[in-house]
Amino acid sequence: MTLGAYIWGMRLLAFLSLLAFGAVLIYVNPEETGAGGKAIFYLTLGLFLGGFLNMFLLLLRRKMIGNDVAIENAGLSFRQGFLLSILVIGLLILQSFRMLVWWDGLLAVAAVFLVELYFLSRS
């Protein structure tokens, strides 16, 4: 797959997940739907953030190191984008339970950092 096809596919998926997130914001009342509505909210937000951060990180790699190396590192951008989206969703969930304090945020960042180091050390 070429880099252009990958980027267009990710744009399409990010746009579709943004539409789904917008529909959840408009049509789902979290007070009436309970945990199911909140789960759908976090799921659609996570998919959108994952796609958006993936494209953003891939754009940074293209600008910094060129197209050829960016194609080889597309998987790295994908993983890092979704790890960052998991971090954001985790922090939002902690905040929704009013459990987020600065040291919990640092622990969440450290956990995502350790997961990324594990994947980097394996390859």
PDB file of N, CA and C in Angstrom:
ATOM      1  N   MET A   1       0.839  -1.164   0.000  1.00  0.00           N
ATOM      2  CA  MET A   1       0.000   0.000   0.000  1.00  0.00           C
ATOM      3  C   MET A   1       0.890   1.235   0.000  1.00  0.00           C
ATOM      4  N   THR A   2       0.522   2.205  -0.769  1.00  0.00           N
ATOM      5  CA  THR A   2       1.291   3.441  -0.822  1.00  0.00           C
ATOM      6  C   THR A   2       0.916   4.333   0.347  1.00  0.00           C
ATOM      7  N   LEU A   3       1.761   5.318   0.595  1.00  0.00           N
ATOM      8  CA  LEU A   3       1.508   6.245   1.686  1.00  0.00           C
ATOM      9  C   LEU A   3       0.257   7.072   1.419  1.00  0.00           C
ATOM     10  N   GLY A   4       0.035   7.436   0.169  1.00  0.00           N
ATOM     11  CA  GLY A   4      -1.158   8.216  -0.173  1.00  0.00           C
ATOM     12  C   GLY A   4      -2.442   7.452   0.097  1.00  0.00           C
ATOM     13  N   ALA A   5      -2.460   6.173  -0.256  1.00  0.00           N
ATOM     14  CA  ALA A   5      -3.653   5.351   0.002  1.00  0.00           C
ATOM     15  C   ALA A   5      -3.883   5.203   1.501  1.00  0.00           C
ATOM     16  N   TYR A   6      -2.816   5.019   2.258  1.00  0.00           N
ATOM     17  CA  TYR A   6      -2.938   4.892   3.705  1.00  0.00           C
ATOM     18  C   TYR A   6      -3.495   6.174   4.312  1.00  0.00           C
ATOM     19  N   ILE A   7      -2.979   7.318   3.863  1.00  0.00           N
ATOM     20  CA  ILE A   7      -3.430   8.591   4.415  1.00  0.00           C
ATOM     21  C   ILE A   7      -4.894   8.842   4.060  1.00  0.00           C
ATOM     22  N   TRP A   8      -5.291   8.548   2.834  1.00  0.00           N
ATOM     23  CA  TRP A   8      -6.696   8.750   2.456  1.00  0.00           C
ATOM     24  C   TRP A   8      -7.611   7.806   3.217  1.00  0.00           C
ATOM     25  N   GLY A   9      -7.186   6.587   3.438  1.00  0.00           N
ATOM     26  CA  GLY A   9      -7.980   5.661   4.239  1.00  0.00           C
ATOM     27  C   GLY A   9      -8.145   6.142   5.670  1.00  0.00           C
ATOM     28  N   MET A  10      -7.059   6.641   6.258  1.00  0.00           N
ATOM     29  CA  MET A  10      -7.138   7.154   7.622  1.00  0.00           C
ATOM     30  C   MET A  10      -7.981   8.418   7.688  1.00  0.00           C
ATOM     31  N   ARG A  11      -7.897   9.267   6.667  1.00  0.00           N
ATOM     32  CA  ARG A  11      -8.753  10.457   6.628  1.00  0.00           C
ATOM     33  C   ARG A  11     -10.216  10.070   6.593  1.00  0.00           C
ATOM     34  N   LEU A  12     -10.546   9.081   5.769  1.00  0.00           N
ATOM     35  CA  LEU A  12     -11.924   8.638   5.661  1.00  0.00           C
ATOM     36  C   LEU A  12     -12.409   8.052   6.988  1.00  0.00           C
ATOM     37  N   LEU A  13     -11.601   7.208   7.604  1.00  0.00           N
ATOM     38  CA  LEU A  13     -11.995   6.617   8.879  1.00  0.00           C
ATOM     39  C   LEU A  13     -12.100   7.664   9.984  1.00  0.00           C
ATOM     40  N   ALA A  14     -11.199   8.616  10.008  1.00  0.00           N
ATOM     41  CA  ALA A  14     -11.267   9.676  11.012  1.00  0.00           C
ATOM     42  C   ALA A  14     -12.500  10.546  10.788  1.00  0.00           C
ATOM     43  N   PHE A  15     -12.826  10.821   9.529  1.00  0.00           N
ATOM     44  CA  PHE A  15     -14.013  11.626   9.236  1.00  0.00           C
ATOM     45  C   PHE A  15     -15.281  10.881   9.635  1.00  0.00           C
ATOM     46  N   LEU A  16     -15.344   9.582   9.334  1.00  0.00           N
ATOM     47  CA  LEU A  16     -16.521   8.798   9.713  1.00  0.00           C
ATOM     48  C   LEU A  16     -16.663   8.703  11.227  1.00  0.00           C
ATOM     49  N   SER A  17     -15.555   8.554  11.927  1.00  0.00           N
ATOM     50  CA  SER A  17     -15.633   8.499  13.384  1.00  0.00           C
ATOM     51  C   SER A  17     -15.985   9.876  13.959  1.00  0.00           C
ATOM     52  N   LEU A  18     -15.570  10.961  13.295  1.00  0.00           N
ATOM     53  CA  LEU A  18     -15.978  12.296  13.725  1.00  0.00           C
ATOM     54  C   LEU A  18     -17.483  12.468  13.540  1.00  0.00           C
ATOM     55  N   LEU A  19     -18.024  11.978  12.438  1.00  0.00           N
ATOM     56  CA  LEU A  19     -19.474  12.029  12.235  1.00  0.00           C
ATOM     57  C   LEU A  19     -20.205  11.218  13.301  1.00  0.00           C
ATOM     58  N   ALA A  20     -19.684  10.046  13.623  1.00  0.00           N
ATOM     59  CA  ALA A  20     -20.300   9.220  14.663  1.00  0.00           C
ATOM     60  C   ALA A  20     -20.222   9.917  16.018  1.00  0.00           C
ATOM     61  N   PHE A  21     -19.100  10.555  16.302  1.00  0.00           N
ATOM     62  CA  PHE A  21     -18.950  11.277  17.559  1.00  0.00           C
ATOM     63  C   PHE A  21     -19.932  12.445  17.621  1.00  0.00           C
ATOM     64  N   GLY A  22     -20.080  13.155  16.511  1.00  0.00           N
ATOM     65  CA  GLY A  22     -21.054  14.247  16.462  1.00  0.00           C
ATOM     66  C   GLY A  22     -22.476  13.744  16.674  1.00  0.00           C
ATOM     67  N   ALA A  23     -22.807  12.603  16.073  1.00  0.00           N
ATOM     68  CA  ALA A  23     -24.140  12.032  16.269  1.00  0.00           C
ATOM     69  C   ALA A  23     -24.359  11.639  17.724  1.00  0.00           C
ATOM     70  N   VAL A  24     -23.334  11.109  18.371  1.00  0.00           N
ATOM     71  CA  VAL A  24     -23.448  10.759  19.792  1.00  0.00           C
ATOM     72  C   VAL A  24     -23.654  12.026  20.615  1.00  0.00           C
ATOM     73  N   LEU A  25     -22.930  13.079  20.302  1.00  0.00           N
ATOM     74  CA  LEU A  25     -23.093  14.327  21.050  1.00  0.00           C
ATOM     75  C   LEU A  25     -24.497  14.898  20.895  1.00  0.00           C
ATOM     76  N   ILE A  26     -25.052  14.770  19.704  1.00  0.00           N
ATOM     77  CA  ILE A  26     -26.370  15.362  19.451  1.00  0.00           C
ATOM     78  C   ILE A  26     -27.504  14.490  19.981  1.00  0.00           C
ATOM     79  N   TYR A  27     -27.437  13.186  19.751  1.00  0.00           N
ATOM     80  CA  TYR A  27     -28.592  12.334  19.991  1.00  0.00           C
ATOM     81  C   TYR A  27     -28.556  11.511  21.282  1.00  0.00           C
ATOM     82  N   VAL A  28     -27.436  11.429  21.955  1.00  0.00           N
ATOM     83  CA  VAL A  28     -27.353  10.584  23.147  1.00  0.00           C
ATOM     84  C   VAL A  28     -27.338  11.473  24.387  1.00  0.00           C
ATOM     85  N   ASN A  29     -28.282  11.238  25.276  1.00  0.00           N
ATOM     86  CA  ASN A  29     -28.343  11.942  26.548  1.00  0.00           C
ATOM     87  C   ASN A  29     -27.698  11.052  27.607  1.00  0.00           C
ATOM     88  N   PRO A  30     -26.571  11.465  28.189  1.00  0.00           N
ATOM     89  CA  PRO A  30     -25.875  10.580  29.126  1.00  0.00           C
ATOM     90  C   PRO A  30     -26.654  10.324  30.413  1.00  0.00           C
ATOM     91  N   GLU A  31     -27.548  11.230  30.778  1.00  0.00           N
ATOM     92  CA  GLU A  31     -28.336  11.005  31.991  1.00  0.00           C
ATOM     93  C   GLU A  31     -29.378   9.916  31.791  1.00  0.00           C
ATOM     94  N   GLU A  32     -29.900   9.789  30.569  1.00  0.00           N
ATOM     95  CA  GLU A  32     -30.929   8.787  30.299  1.00  0.00           C
ATOM     96  C   GLU A  32     -30.339   7.434  29.908  1.00  0.00           C
ATOM     97  N   THR A  33     -29.232   7.434  29.167  1.00  0.00           N
ATOM     98  CA  THR A  33     -28.688   6.170  28.664  1.00  0.00           C
ATOM     99  C   THR A  33     -27.768   5.484  29.659  1.00  0.00           C
ATOM    100  N   GLY A  34     -27.223   6.211  30.596  1.00  0.00           N
ATOM    101  CA  GLY A  34     -26.372   5.606  31.618  1.00  0.00           C
ATOM    102  C   GLY A  34     -25.006   5.214  31.094  1.00  0.00           C
ATOM    103  N   ALA A  35     -24.547   4.044  31.514  1.00  0.00           N
ATOM    104  CA  ALA A  35     -23.189   3.596  31.191  1.00  0.00           C
ATOM    105  C   ALA A  35     -23.040   3.291  29.702  1.00  0.00           C
ATOM    106  N   GLY A  36     -24.100   2.815  29.051  1.00  0.00           N
ATOM    107  CA  GLY A  36     -24.016   2.504  27.622  1.00  0.00           C
ATOM    108  C   GLY A  36     -23.756   3.745  26.782  1.00  0.00           C
ATOM    109  N   GLY A  37     -24.431   4.832  27.093  1.00  0.00           N
ATOM    110  CA  GLY A  37     -24.220   6.083  26.365  1.00  0.00           C
ATOM    111  C   GLY A  37     -22.830   6.644  26.571  1.00  0.00           C
ATOM    112  N   LYS A  38     -22.353   6.538  27.805  1.00  0.00           N
ATOM    113  CA  LYS A  38     -20.993   7.017  28.083  1.00  0.00           C
ATOM    114  C   LYS A  38     -19.958   6.162  27.381  1.00  0.00           C
ATOM    115  N   ALA A  39     -20.192   4.858  27.314  1.00  0.00           N
ATOM    116  CA  ALA A  39     -19.256   3.966  26.625  1.00  0.00           C
ATOM    117  C   ALA A  39     -19.203   4.280  25.139  1.00  0.00           C
ATOM    118  N   ILE A  40     -20.354   4.533  24.535  1.00  0.00           N
ATOM    119  CA  ILE A  40     -20.383   4.897  23.112  1.00  0.00           C
ATOM    120  C   ILE A  40     -19.685   6.230  22.893  1.00  0.00           C
ATOM    121  N   PHE A  41     -19.887   7.185  23.818  1.00  0.00           N
ATOM    122  CA  PHE A  41     -19.220   8.477  23.727  1.00  0.00           C
ATOM    123  C   PHE A  41     -17.701   8.300  23.743  1.00  0.00           C
ATOM    124  N   TYR A  42     -17.194   7.541  24.706  1.00  0.00           N
ATOM    125  CA  TYR A  42     -15.748   7.354  24.817  1.00  0.00           C
ATOM    126  C   TYR A  42     -15.195   6.542  23.645  1.00  0.00           C
ATOM    127  N   LEU A  43     -15.958   5.594  23.158  1.00  0.00           N
ATOM    128  CA  LEU A  43     -15.511   4.781  22.026  1.00  0.00           C
ATOM    129  C   LEU A  43     -15.377   5.624  20.762  1.00  0.00           C
ATOM    130  N   THR A  44     -16.401   6.416  20.455  1.00  0.00           N
ATOM    131  CA  THR A  44     -16.333   7.229  19.236  1.00  0.00           C
ATOM    132  C   THR A  44     -15.272   8.320  19.362  1.00  0.00           C
ATOM    133  N   LEU A  45     -15.141   8.910  20.540  1.00  0.00           N
ATOM    134  CA  LEU A  45     -14.089   9.903  20.747  1.00  0.00           C
ATOM    135  C   LEU A  45     -12.712   9.274  20.604  1.00  0.00           C
ATOM    136  N   GLY A  46     -12.549   8.074  21.157  1.00  0.00           N
ATOM    137  CA  GLY A  46     -11.265   7.387  21.050  1.00  0.00           C
ATOM    138  C   GLY A  46     -10.905   7.035  19.625  1.00  0.00           C
ATOM    139  N   LEU A  47     -11.887   6.591  18.837  1.00  0.00           N
ATOM    140  CA  LEU A  47     -11.620   6.281  17.430  1.00  0.00           C
ATOM    141  C   LEU A  47     -11.235   7.531  16.650  1.00  0.00           C
ATOM    142  N   PHE A  48     -11.950   8.635  16.909  1.00  0.00           N
ATOM    143  CA  PHE A  48     -11.600   9.871  16.218  1.00  0.00           C
ATOM    144  C   PHE A  48     -10.213  10.357  16.626  1.00  0.00           C
ATOM    145  N   LEU A  49      -9.939  10.372  17.923  1.00  0.00           N
ATOM    146  CA  LEU A  49      -8.626  10.828  18.378  1.00  0.00           C
ATOM    147  C   LEU A  49      -7.507   9.938  17.851  1.00  0.00           C
ATOM    148  N   GLY A  50      -7.749   8.638  17.829  1.00  0.00           N
ATOM    149  CA  GLY A  50      -6.736   7.721  17.312  1.00  0.00           C
ATOM    150  C   GLY A  50      -6.412   8.000  15.853  1.00  0.00           C
ATOM    151  N   GLY A  51      -7.439   8.179  15.041  1.00  0.00           N
ATOM    152  CA  GLY A  51      -7.216   8.480  13.630  1.00  0.00           C
ATOM    153  C   GLY A  51      -6.563   9.833  13.421  1.00  0.00           C
ATOM    154  N   PHE A  52      -7.043  10.842  14.161  1.00  0.00           N
ATOM    155  CA  PHE A  52      -6.490  12.181  14.014  1.00  0.00           C
ATOM    156  C   PHE A  52      -5.035  12.229  14.463  1.00  0.00           C
ATOM    157  N   LEU A  53      -4.736  11.646  15.627  1.00  0.00           N
ATOM    158  CA  LEU A  53      -3.352  11.656  16.111  1.00  0.00           C
ATOM    159  C   LEU A  53      -2.438  10.827  15.224  1.00  0.00           C
ATOM    160  N   ASN A  54      -2.967   9.749  14.663  1.00  0.00           N
ATOM    161  CA  ASN A  54      -2.197   8.946  13.722  1.00  0.00           C
ATOM    162  C   ASN A  54      -1.785   9.788  12.518  1.00  0.00           C
ATOM    163  N   MET A  55      -2.736  10.496  11.938  1.00  0.00           N
ATOM    164  CA  MET A  55      -2.419  11.341  10.779  1.00  0.00           C
ATOM    165  C   MET A  55      -1.481  12.475  11.159  1.00  0.00           C
ATOM    166  N   PHE A  56      -1.678  13.064  12.351  1.00  0.00           N
ATOM    167  CA  PHE A  56      -0.813  14.144  12.788  1.00  0.00           C
ATOM    168  C   PHE A  56       0.629  13.670  12.972  1.00  0.00           C
ATOM    169  N   LEU A  57       0.805  12.525  13.620  1.00  0.00           N
ATOM    170  CA  LEU A  57       2.153  11.994  13.830  1.00  0.00           C
ATOM    171  C   LEU A  57       2.801  11.587  12.506  1.00  0.00           C
ATOM    172  N   LEU A  58       1.998  11.041  11.597  1.00  0.00           N
ATOM    173  CA  LEU A  58       2.530  10.679  10.286  1.00  0.00           C
ATOM    174  C   LEU A  58       2.949  11.930   9.507  1.00  0.00           C
ATOM    175  N   LEU A  59       2.178  13.006   9.614  1.00  0.00           N
ATOM    176  CA  LEU A  59       2.538  14.268   8.961  1.00  0.00           C
ATOM    177  C   LEU A  59       3.841  14.814   9.539  1.00  0.00           C
ATOM    178  N   LEU A  60       3.977  14.745  10.868  1.00  0.00           N
ATOM    179  CA  LEU A  60       5.233  15.199  11.478  1.00  0.00           C
ATOM    180  C   LEU A  60       6.424  14.386  10.978  1.00  0.00           C
ATOM    181  N   ARG A  61       6.238  13.071  10.876  1.00  0.00           N
ATOM    182  CA  ARG A  61       7.339  12.228  10.397  1.00  0.00           C
ATOM    183  C   ARG A  61       7.670  12.541   8.936  1.00  0.00           C
ATOM    184  N   ARG A  62       6.648  12.792   8.127  1.00  0.00           N
ATOM    185  CA  ARG A  62       6.899  13.125   6.718  1.00  0.00           C
ATOM    186  C   ARG A  62       7.682  14.416   6.595  1.00  0.00           C
ATOM    187  N   LYS A  63       7.340  15.409   7.417  1.00  0.00           N
ATOM    188  CA  LYS A  63       8.031  16.699   7.360  1.00  0.00           C
ATOM    189  C   LYS A  63       9.455  16.597   7.903  1.00  0.00           C
ATOM    190  N   MET A  64       9.649  15.778   8.923  1.00  0.00           N
ATOM    191  CA  MET A  64      10.952  15.721   9.587  1.00  0.00           C
ATOM    192  C   MET A  64      11.925  14.786   8.874  1.00  0.00           C
ATOM    193  N   ILE A  65      11.453  13.602   8.452  1.00  0.00           N
ATOM    194  CA  ILE A  65      12.394  12.607   7.946  1.00  0.00           C
ATOM    195  C   ILE A  65      12.136  12.184   6.512  1.00  0.00           C
ATOM    196  N   GLY A  66      11.097  12.712   5.883  1.00  0.00           N
ATOM    197  CA  GLY A  66      10.859  12.396   4.478  1.00  0.00           C
ATOM    198  C   GLY A  66       9.842  11.287   4.278  1.00  0.00           C
ATOM    199  N   ASN A  67       9.380  11.161   3.023  1.00  0.00           N
ATOM    200  CA  ASN A  67       8.319  10.209   2.693  1.00  0.00           C
ATOM    201  C   ASN A  67       8.765   8.757   2.803  1.00  0.00           C
ATOM    202  N   ASP A  68       9.983   8.464   2.358  1.00  0.00           N
ATOM    203  CA  ASP A  68      10.426   7.063   2.332  1.00  0.00           C
ATOM    204  C   ASP A  68      10.476   6.455   3.728  1.00  0.00           C
ATOM    205  N   VAL A  69      11.037   7.179   4.670  1.00  0.00           N
ATOM    206  CA  VAL A  69      11.138   6.664   6.032  1.00  0.00           C
ATOM    207  C   VAL A  69       9.768   6.712   6.714  1.00  0.00           C
ATOM    208  N   ALA A  70       8.927   7.677   6.336  1.00  0.00           N
ATOM    209  CA  ALA A  70       7.590   7.767   6.927  1.00  0.00           C
ATOM    210  C   ALA A  70       6.746   6.556   6.547  1.00  0.00           C
ATOM    211  N   ILE A  71       6.929   6.042   5.344  1.00  0.00           N
ATOM    212  CA  ILE A  71       6.195   4.846   4.933  1.00  0.00           C
ATOM    213  C   ILE A  71       6.598   3.663   5.807  1.00  0.00           C
ATOM    214  N   GLU A  72       7.887   3.543   6.083  1.00  0.00           N
ATOM    215  CA  GLU A  72       8.364   2.444   6.923  1.00  0.00           C
ATOM    216  C   GLU A  72       7.875   2.578   8.360  1.00  0.00           C
ATOM    217  N   ASN A  73       7.638   3.823   8.815  1.00  0.00           N
ATOM    218  CA  ASN A  73       7.229   4.068  10.196  1.00  0.00           C
ATOM    219  C   ASN A  73       5.736   4.341  10.338  1.00  0.00           C
ATOM    220  N   ALA A  74       4.938   3.955   9.359  1.00  0.00           N
ATOM    221  CA  ALA A  74       3.496   4.190   9.443  1.00  0.00           C
ATOM    222  C   ALA A  74       2.885   3.388  10.586  1.00  0.00           C
ATOM    223  N   GLY A  75       3.375   2.190  10.815  1.00  0.00           N
ATOM    224  CA  GLY A  75       2.885   1.387  11.931  1.00  0.00           C
ATOM    225  C   GLY A  75       3.204   2.013  13.277  1.00  0.00           C
ATOM    226  N   LEU A  76       4.360   2.645  13.361  1.00  0.00           N
ATOM    227  CA  LEU A  76       4.760   3.332  14.585  1.00  0.00           C
ATOM    228  C   LEU A  76       3.820   4.502  14.865  1.00  0.00           C
ATOM    229  N   SER A  77       3.490   5.267  13.844  1.00  0.00           N
ATOM    230  CA  SER A  77       2.554   6.376  14.009  1.00  0.00           C
ATOM    231  C   SER A  77       1.178   5.875  14.409  1.00  0.00           C
ATOM    232  N   PHE A  78       0.755   4.757  13.816  1.00  0.00           N
ATOM    233  CA  PHE A  78      -0.540   4.172  14.143  1.00  0.00           C
ATOM    234  C   PHE A  78      -0.593   3.779  15.617  1.00  0.00           C
ATOM    235  N   ARG A  79       0.426   3.083  16.075  1.00  0.00           N
ATOM    236  CA  ARG A  79       0.456   2.627  17.466  1.00  0.00           C
ATOM    237  C   ARG A  79       0.512   3.805  18.425  1.00  0.00           C
ATOM    238  N   GLN A  80       1.366   4.775  18.141  1.00  0.00           N
ATOM    239  CA  GLN A  80       1.501   5.912  19.034  1.00  0.00           C
ATOM    240  C   GLN A  80       0.242   6.758  19.063  1.00  0.00           C
ATOM    241  N   GLY A  81      -0.416   6.905  17.906  1.00  0.00           N
ATOM    242  CA  GLY A  81      -1.665   7.656  17.869  1.00  0.00           C
ATOM    243  C   GLY A  81      -2.735   7.020  18.726  1.00  0.00           C
ATOM    244  N   PHE A  82      -2.856   5.703  18.640  1.00  0.00           N
ATOM    245  CA  PHE A  82      -3.883   5.046  19.435  1.00  0.00           C
ATOM    246  C   PHE A  82      -3.489   4.934  20.909  1.00  0.00           C
ATOM    247  N   LEU A  83      -2.210   4.850  21.220  1.00  0.00           N
ATOM    248  CA  LEU A  83      -1.799   4.889  22.619  1.00  0.00           C
ATOM    249  C   LEU A  83      -2.092   6.253  23.239  1.00  0.00           C
ATOM    250  N   LEU A  84      -1.865   7.311  22.479  1.00  0.00           N
ATOM    251  CA  LEU A  84      -2.187   8.644  22.985  1.00  0.00           C
ATOM    252  C   LEU A  84      -3.685   8.829  23.155  1.00  0.00           C
ATOM    253  N   SER A  85      -4.470   8.251  22.244  1.00  0.00           N
ATOM    254  CA  SER A  85      -5.922   8.365  22.399  1.00  0.00           C
ATOM    255  C   SER A  85      -6.397   7.568  23.615  1.00  0.00           C
ATOM    256  N   ILE A  86      -5.783   6.421  23.887  1.00  0.00           N
ATOM    257  CA  ILE A  86      -6.115   5.657  25.089  1.00  0.00           C
ATOM    258  C   ILE A  86      -5.769   6.465  26.336  1.00  0.00           C
ATOM    259  N   LEU A  87      -4.644   7.175  26.292  1.00  0.00           N
ATOM    260  CA  LEU A  87      -4.258   8.030  27.411  1.00  0.00           C
ATOM    261  C   LEU A  87      -5.301   9.119  27.647  1.00  0.00           C
ATOM    262  N   VAL A  88      -5.716   9.794  26.592  1.00  0.00           N
ATOM    263  CA  VAL A  88      -6.703  10.874  26.729  1.00  0.00           C
ATOM    264  C   VAL A  88      -8.030  10.325  27.246  1.00  0.00           C
ATOM    265  N   ILE A  89      -8.473   9.205  26.693  1.00  0.00           N
ATOM    266  CA  ILE A  89      -9.734   8.613  27.139  1.00  0.00           C
ATOM    267  C   ILE A  89      -9.634   8.177  28.599  1.00  0.00           C
ATOM    268  N   GLY A  90      -8.518   7.594  28.981  1.00  0.00           N
ATOM    269  CA  GLY A  90      -8.322   7.203  30.372  1.00  0.00           C
ATOM    270  C   GLY A  90      -8.372   8.391  31.317  1.00  0.00           C
ATOM    271  N   LEU A  91      -7.734   9.487  30.920  1.00  0.00           N
ATOM    272  CA  LEU A  91      -7.773  10.689  31.754  1.00  0.00           C
ATOM    273  C   LEU A  91      -9.179  11.267  31.824  1.00  0.00           C
ATOM    274  N   LEU A  92      -9.913  11.225  30.708  1.00  0.00           N
ATOM    275  CA  LEU A  92     -11.296  11.715  30.725  1.00  0.00           C
ATOM    276  C   LEU A  92     -12.197  10.844  31.600  1.00  0.00           C
ATOM    277  N   ILE A  93     -11.974   9.549  31.580  1.00  0.00           N
ATOM    278  CA  ILE A  93     -12.766   8.657  32.434  1.00  0.00           C
ATOM    279  C   ILE A  93     -12.454   8.926  33.907  1.00  0.00           C
ATOM    280  N   LEU A  94     -11.186   9.089  34.231  1.00  0.00           N
ATOM    281  CA  LEU A  94     -10.831   9.431  35.606  1.00  0.00           C
ATOM    282  C   LEU A  94     -11.468  10.758  36.016  1.00  0.00           C
ATOM    283  N   GLN A  95     -11.479  11.727  35.109  1.00  0.00           N
ATOM    284  CA  GLN A  95     -12.080  13.021  35.415  1.00  0.00           C
ATOM    285  C   GLN A  95     -13.591  12.899  35.582  1.00  0.00           C
ATOM    286  N   SER A  96     -14.225  12.033  34.804  1.00  0.00           N
ATOM    287  CA  SER A  96     -15.678  11.882  34.928  1.00  0.00           C
ATOM    288  C   SER A  96     -16.064  11.274  36.272  1.00  0.00           C
ATOM    289  N   PHE A  97     -15.183  10.477  36.870  1.00  0.00           N
ATOM    290  CA  PHE A  97     -15.421   9.936  38.206  1.00  0.00           C
ATOM    291  C   PHE A  97     -14.866  10.850  39.297  1.00  0.00           C
ATOM    292  N   ARG A  98     -14.337  12.015  38.916  1.00  0.00           N
ATOM    293  CA  ARG A  98     -13.715  12.968  39.831  1.00  0.00           C
ATOM    294  C   ARG A  98     -12.565  12.337  40.611  1.00  0.00           C
ATOM    295  N   MET A  99     -11.798  11.491  39.923  1.00  0.00           N
ATOM    296  CA  MET A  99     -10.646  10.824  40.543  1.00  0.00           C
ATOM    297  C   MET A  99      -9.317  11.306  39.966  1.00  0.00           C
ATOM    298  N   LEU A 100      -9.368  12.231  39.029  1.00  0.00           N
ATOM    299  CA  LEU A 100      -8.137  12.664  38.372  1.00  0.00           C
ATOM    300  C   LEU A 100      -7.427  13.711  39.207  1.00  0.00           C
ATOM    301  N   VAL A 101      -6.238  13.376  39.628  1.00  0.00           N
ATOM    302  CA  VAL A 101      -5.337  14.320  40.275  1.00  0.00           C
ATOM    303  C   VAL A 101      -4.012  14.248  39.524  1.00  0.00           C
ATOM    304  N   TRP A 102      -3.120  15.157  39.798  1.00  0.00           N
ATOM    305  CA  TRP A 102      -1.936  15.277  38.961  1.00  0.00           C
ATOM    306  C   TRP A 102      -1.081  14.023  39.001  1.00  0.00           C
ATOM    307  N   TRP A 103      -0.967  13.355  40.143  1.00  0.00           N
ATOM    308  CA  TRP A 103      -0.114  12.168  40.192  1.00  0.00           C
ATOM    309  C   TRP A 103      -0.750  10.986  39.467  1.00  0.00           C
ATOM    310  N   ASP A 104      -2.072  10.931  39.431  1.00  0.00           N
ATOM    311  CA  ASP A 104      -2.721   9.886  38.627  1.00  0.00           C
ATOM    312  C   ASP A 104      -2.484  10.125  37.140  1.00  0.00           C
ATOM    313  N   GLY A 105      -2.519  11.401  36.746  1.00  0.00           N
ATOM    314  CA  GLY A 105      -2.219  11.734  35.354  1.00  0.00           C
ATOM    315  C   GLY A 105      -0.796  11.363  34.982  1.00  0.00           C
ATOM    316  N   LEU A 106       0.136  11.633  35.886  1.00  0.00           N
ATOM    317  CA  LEU A 106       1.531  11.255  35.630  1.00  0.00           C
ATOM    318  C   LEU A 106       1.705   9.747  35.571  1.00  0.00           C
ATOM    319  N   LEU A 107       0.987   9.028  36.420  1.00  0.00           N
ATOM    320  CA  LEU A 107       1.057   7.565  36.375  1.00  0.00           C
ATOM    321  C   LEU A 107       0.489   7.026  35.064  1.00  0.00           C
ATOM    322  N   ALA A 108      -0.576   7.635  34.569  1.00  0.00           N
ATOM    323  CA  ALA A 108      -1.157   7.206  33.287  1.00  0.00           C
ATOM    324  C   ALA A 108      -0.184   7.484  32.144  1.00  0.00           C
ATOM    325  N   VAL A 109       0.451   8.652  32.171  1.00  0.00           N
ATOM    326  CA  VAL A 109       1.452   8.971  31.143  1.00  0.00           C
ATOM    327  C   VAL A 109       2.619   7.993  31.226  1.00  0.00           C
ATOM    328  N   ALA A 110       3.056   7.682  32.433  1.00  0.00           N
ATOM    329  CA  ALA A 110       4.161   6.729  32.609  1.00  0.00           C
ATOM    330  C   ALA A 110       3.769   5.340  32.112  1.00  0.00           C
ATOM    331  N   ALA A 111       2.526   4.938  32.348  1.00  0.00           N
ATOM    332  CA  ALA A 111       2.075   3.628  31.875  1.00  0.00           C
ATOM    333  C   ALA A 111       2.084   3.557  30.358  1.00  0.00           C
ATOM    334  N   VAL A 112       1.590   4.591  29.696  1.00  0.00           N
ATOM    335  CA  VAL A 112       1.602   4.613  28.229  1.00  0.00           C
ATOM    336  C   VAL A 112       3.043   4.657  27.721  1.00  0.00           C
ATOM    337  N   PHE A 113       3.891   5.404  28.397  1.00  0.00           N
ATOM    338  CA  PHE A 113       5.303   5.470  28.021  1.00  0.00           C
ATOM    339  C   PHE A 113       5.971   4.099  28.140  1.00  0.00           C
ATOM    340  N   LEU A 114       5.664   3.372  29.205  1.00  0.00           N
ATOM    341  CA  LEU A 114       6.248   2.044  29.384  1.00  0.00           C
ATOM    342  C   LEU A 114       5.737   1.058  28.340  1.00  0.00           C
ATOM    343  N   VAL A 115       4.471   1.156  27.970  1.00  0.00           N
ATOM    344  CA  VAL A 115       3.941   0.294  26.914  1.00  0.00           C
ATOM    345  C   VAL A 115       4.659   0.587  25.595  1.00  0.00           C
ATOM    346  N   GLU A 116       4.868   1.864  25.294  1.00  0.00           N
ATOM    347  CA  GLU A 116       5.573   2.224  24.061  1.00  0.00           C
ATOM    348  C   GLU A 116       7.025   1.744  24.117  1.00  0.00           C
ATOM    349  N   LEU A 117       7.675   1.864  25.253  1.00  0.00           N
ATOM    350  CA  LEU A 117       9.046   1.352  25.369  1.00  0.00           C
ATOM    351  C   LEU A 117       9.101  -0.147  25.188  1.00  0.00           C
ATOM    352  N   TYR A 118       8.092  -0.856  25.681  1.00  0.00           N
ATOM    353  CA  TYR A 118       8.043  -2.308  25.472  1.00  0.00           C
ATOM    354  C   TYR A 118       7.975  -2.631  23.986  1.00  0.00           C
ATOM    355  N   PHE A 119       7.093  -1.952  23.266  1.00  0.00           N
ATOM    356  CA  PHE A 119       6.980  -2.221  21.835  1.00  0.00           C
ATOM    357  C   PHE A 119       8.243  -1.823  21.083  1.00  0.00           C
ATOM    358  N   LEU A 120       8.884  -0.740  21.482  1.00  0.00           N
ATOM    359  CA  LEU A 120      10.124  -0.322  20.818  1.00  0.00           C
ATOM    360  C   LEU A 120      11.262  -1.294  21.095  1.00  0.00           C
ATOM    361  N   SER A 121      11.297  -1.852  22.299  1.00  0.00           N
ATOM    362  CA  SER A 121      12.377  -2.780  22.617  1.00  0.00           C
ATOM    363  C   SER A 121      12.181  -4.130  21.918  1.00  0.00           C
ATOM    364  N   ARG A 122      10.959  -4.496  21.599  1.00  0.00           N
ATOM    365  CA  ARG A 122      10.692  -5.754  20.920  1.00  0.00           C
ATOM    366  C   ARG A 122      11.120  -5.732  19.453  1.00  0.00           C
ATOM    367  N   SER A 123      11.094  -4.546  18.857  1.00  0.00           N
ATOM    368  CA  SER A 123      11.417  -4.470  17.412  1.00  0.00           C
ATOM    369  C   SER A 123      12.830  -4.103  17.133  1.00  0.00           C
TER     370      SER A 123
END
